[in-house]
Amino acid sequence: EFENYATLREIGDLPSRETIENSRTLLDKDLGQEKIELLNEGFGEWTRSQYFHFVKAAAKFGRDDITSIAADMDMSEGAVEGYSAAFWQYGPTELKKDEWERVSSSVERGEKKIAKRRKLTSLLTKFVSTFENPLEEMVFA
């Protein structure tokens, strides 16, 4: 398709942007139809910015917190859940190696921060619960 685009551009026969967006392809009819079917079968409606938003939200909330990721992305939980399942299952094999390493390490760093925050919260709660009246008994220097 890139070759078709380049060729059409060189000869000055490039269709309008609107035509390209409506047809979703520059390929011949059979290949174009196959491309549309494959896109519809997968996650063709997801944009590149939504992909980056998903990765950032997964790092922020953890890969398993679909509810928070969906709320952050302003999407339905069902849409995010399906994408997330496919992303974590096929990402290691379908993304380029350096892209997968970047994405997975980003999410893992975020999950470590979440775990650290939970641990500190738990320790603080345990410490405060050792006092009968923490507001009066605790001294802040």
Protein backbone atom coordinates (compact mmCIF):
# COMPACT_ATOMS: atom_id res chain seq x y z
CA GLU A 1 0.00 0.00 0.00
CA PHE A 2 2.92 2.34 0.73
CA GLU A 3 4.27 1.62 -2.75
CA ASN A 4 0.87 2.40 -4.29
CA TYR A 5 0.74 5.68 -2.39
CA ALA A 6 4.26 6.64 -3.46
CA THR A 7 3.56 5.76 -7.10
CA LEU A 8 0.28 7.70 -7.17
CA ARG A 9 1.99 10.66 -5.53
CA GLU A 10 4.84 10.64 -8.06
CA ILE A 11 2.52 10.68 -11.06
CA GLY A 12 0.25 13.25 -9.41
CA ASP A 13 -2.79 10.96 -9.40
CA LEU A 14 -3.27 10.78 -5.64
CA PRO A 15 -6.97 10.68 -4.66
CA SER A 16 -8.29 13.21 -2.18
CA ARG A 17 -7.72 12.67 1.54
CA GLU A 18 -11.45 12.21 2.02
CA THR A 19 -11.54 9.44 -0.59
CA ILE A 20 -8.63 7.64 1.06
CA GLU A 21 -10.22 7.91 4.51
CA ASN A 22 -13.58 6.65 3.24
CA SER A 23 -12.16 3.66 1.35
CA ARG A 24 -9.54 2.99 4.08
CA THR A 25 -7.16 1.62 1.44
CA LEU A 26 -5.29 2.35 -1.77
CA LEU A 27 -5.00 -1.31 -2.71
CA ASP A 28 -6.86 -2.99 -5.55
CA LYS A 29 -10.39 -4.18 -4.81
CA ASP A 30 -9.57 -7.75 -3.64
CA LEU A 31 -6.58 -6.86 -1.47
CA GLY A 32 -8.38 -3.77 -0.18
CA GLN A 33 -11.36 -5.89 0.89
CA GLU A 34 -9.04 -8.35 2.65
CA LYS A 35 -7.33 -5.46 4.45
CA ILE A 36 -10.69 -4.06 5.63
CA GLU A 37 -11.79 -7.51 6.87
CA LEU A 38 -8.55 -8.01 8.78
CA LEU A 39 -8.79 -4.54 10.33
CA ASN A 40 -12.37 -5.18 11.39
CA GLU A 41 -11.38 -8.55 12.81
CA GLY A 42 -8.72 -6.95 15.00
CA PHE A 43 -8.67 -3.51 16.57
CA GLY A 44 -8.70 -1.32 13.47
CA GLU A 45 -10.75 1.35 15.22
CA TRP A 46 -7.97 1.95 17.76
CA THR A 47 -5.74 4.87 16.84
CA ARG A 48 -2.04 5.25 17.51
CA SER A 49 -2.76 7.87 20.17
CA GLN A 50 -5.16 5.44 21.89
CA TYR A 51 -2.40 2.80 21.83
CA PHE A 52 0.00 5.21 23.58
CA HIS A 53 -2.73 6.26 26.00
CA PHE A 54 -3.41 2.60 26.82
CA VAL A 55 0.28 1.94 27.53
CA LYS A 56 0.55 5.05 29.71
CA ALA A 57 -2.63 4.16 31.63
CA ALA A 58 -1.46 0.56 32.11
CA ALA A 59 1.76 1.91 33.61
CA LYS A 60 -0.19 4.30 35.83
CA PHE A 61 -2.81 1.85 37.13
CA GLY A 62 -1.27 -1.58 36.46
CA ARG A 63 -2.10 -3.92 33.62
CA ASP A 64 -4.92 -5.65 35.52
CA ASP A 65 -6.89 -2.54 36.56
CA ILE A 66 -9.09 -2.44 33.46
CA THR A 67 -11.70 -0.25 35.16
CA SER A 68 -9.22 2.55 35.87
CA ILE A 69 -7.56 2.25 32.46
CA ALA A 70 -10.95 2.46 30.73
CA ALA A 71 -12.00 5.46 32.84
CA ASP A 72 -8.71 7.23 32.11
CA MET A 73 -9.12 6.57 28.38
CA ASP A 74 -12.83 7.48 28.44
CA MET A 75 -13.72 4.16 26.81
CA SER A 76 -15.92 1.23 27.76
CA GLU A 77 -14.45 -1.47 29.94
CA GLY A 78 -15.38 -4.09 27.35
CA ALA A 79 -13.39 -2.39 24.61
CA VAL A 80 -10.35 -1.93 26.84
CA GLU A 81 -10.60 -5.45 28.27
CA GLY A 82 -10.57 -7.05 24.82
CA TYR A 83 -7.70 -4.88 23.64
CA SER A 84 -5.75 -5.50 26.83
CA ALA A 85 -6.11 -9.27 26.57
CA ALA A 86 -4.92 -9.25 22.96
CA PHE A 87 -2.16 -6.75 23.71
CA TRP A 88 -0.59 -8.81 26.50
CA GLN A 89 -1.05 -12.08 24.64
CA TYR A 90 0.26 -11.03 21.22
CA GLY A 91 2.43 -8.02 22.07
CA PRO A 92 5.63 -9.99 22.69
CA THR A 93 5.44 -11.61 19.26
CA GLU A 94 3.74 -8.96 17.15
CA LEU A 95 5.48 -5.76 18.26
CA LYS A 96 9.06 -5.01 17.32
CA LYS A 97 11.44 -6.25 20.01
CA ASP A 98 12.61 -2.78 21.11
CA GLU A 99 9.03 -1.45 21.16
CA TRP A 100 7.86 -4.39 23.29
CA GLU A 101 10.77 -3.96 25.69
CA ARG A 102 10.06 -0.24 26.02
CA VAL A 103 6.34 -0.78 26.64
CA SER A 104 6.65 -3.73 29.00
CA SER A 105 9.42 -2.10 31.05
CA SER A 106 7.34 1.09 31.34
CA VAL A 107 4.36 -0.87 32.65
CA GLU A 108 6.56 -2.90 35.01
CA ARG A 109 8.11 0.29 36.44
CA GLY A 110 4.62 1.67 37.00
CA GLU A 111 3.50 -1.53 38.69
CA LYS A 112 6.53 -1.40 41.00
CA LYS A 113 5.57 2.15 42.01
CA ILE A 114 2.00 0.98 42.71
CA ALA A 115 3.29 -1.92 44.84
CA LYS A 116 5.62 0.42 46.76
CA ARG A 117 2.79 2.88 47.39
CA ARG A 118 0.51 0.09 48.64
CA LYS A 119 3.23 -1.25 50.93
CA LEU A 120 3.93 2.21 52.40
CA THR A 121 0.22 2.83 52.90
CA SER A 122 -0.12 -0.50 54.65
CA LEU A 123 2.86 0.20 56.93
CA LEU A 124 1.58 3.68 57.76
CA THR A 125 -1.87 2.32 58.55
CA LYS A 126 -0.33 -0.34 60.79
CA PHE A 127 1.82 2.27 62.56
CA VAL A 128 -1.06 4.68 63.15
CA SER A 129 -3.24 1.84 64.47
CA THR A 130 -0.74 1.28 67.32
CA PHE A 131 -2.01 4.48 68.93
CA GLU A 132 -5.32 4.67 70.77
CA ASN A 133 -5.79 8.31 69.83
CA PRO A 134 -3.32 9.09 67.03
CA LEU A 135 -4.25 12.78 66.74
CA GLU A 136 -3.25 13.43 70.33
CA GLU A 137 -0.54 10.84 70.90
CA MET A 138 1.51 11.23 67.73
CA VAL A 139 4.14 13.94 67.85
CA PHE A 140 5.36 15.53 64.64
CA ALA A 141 8.71 17.19 64.96
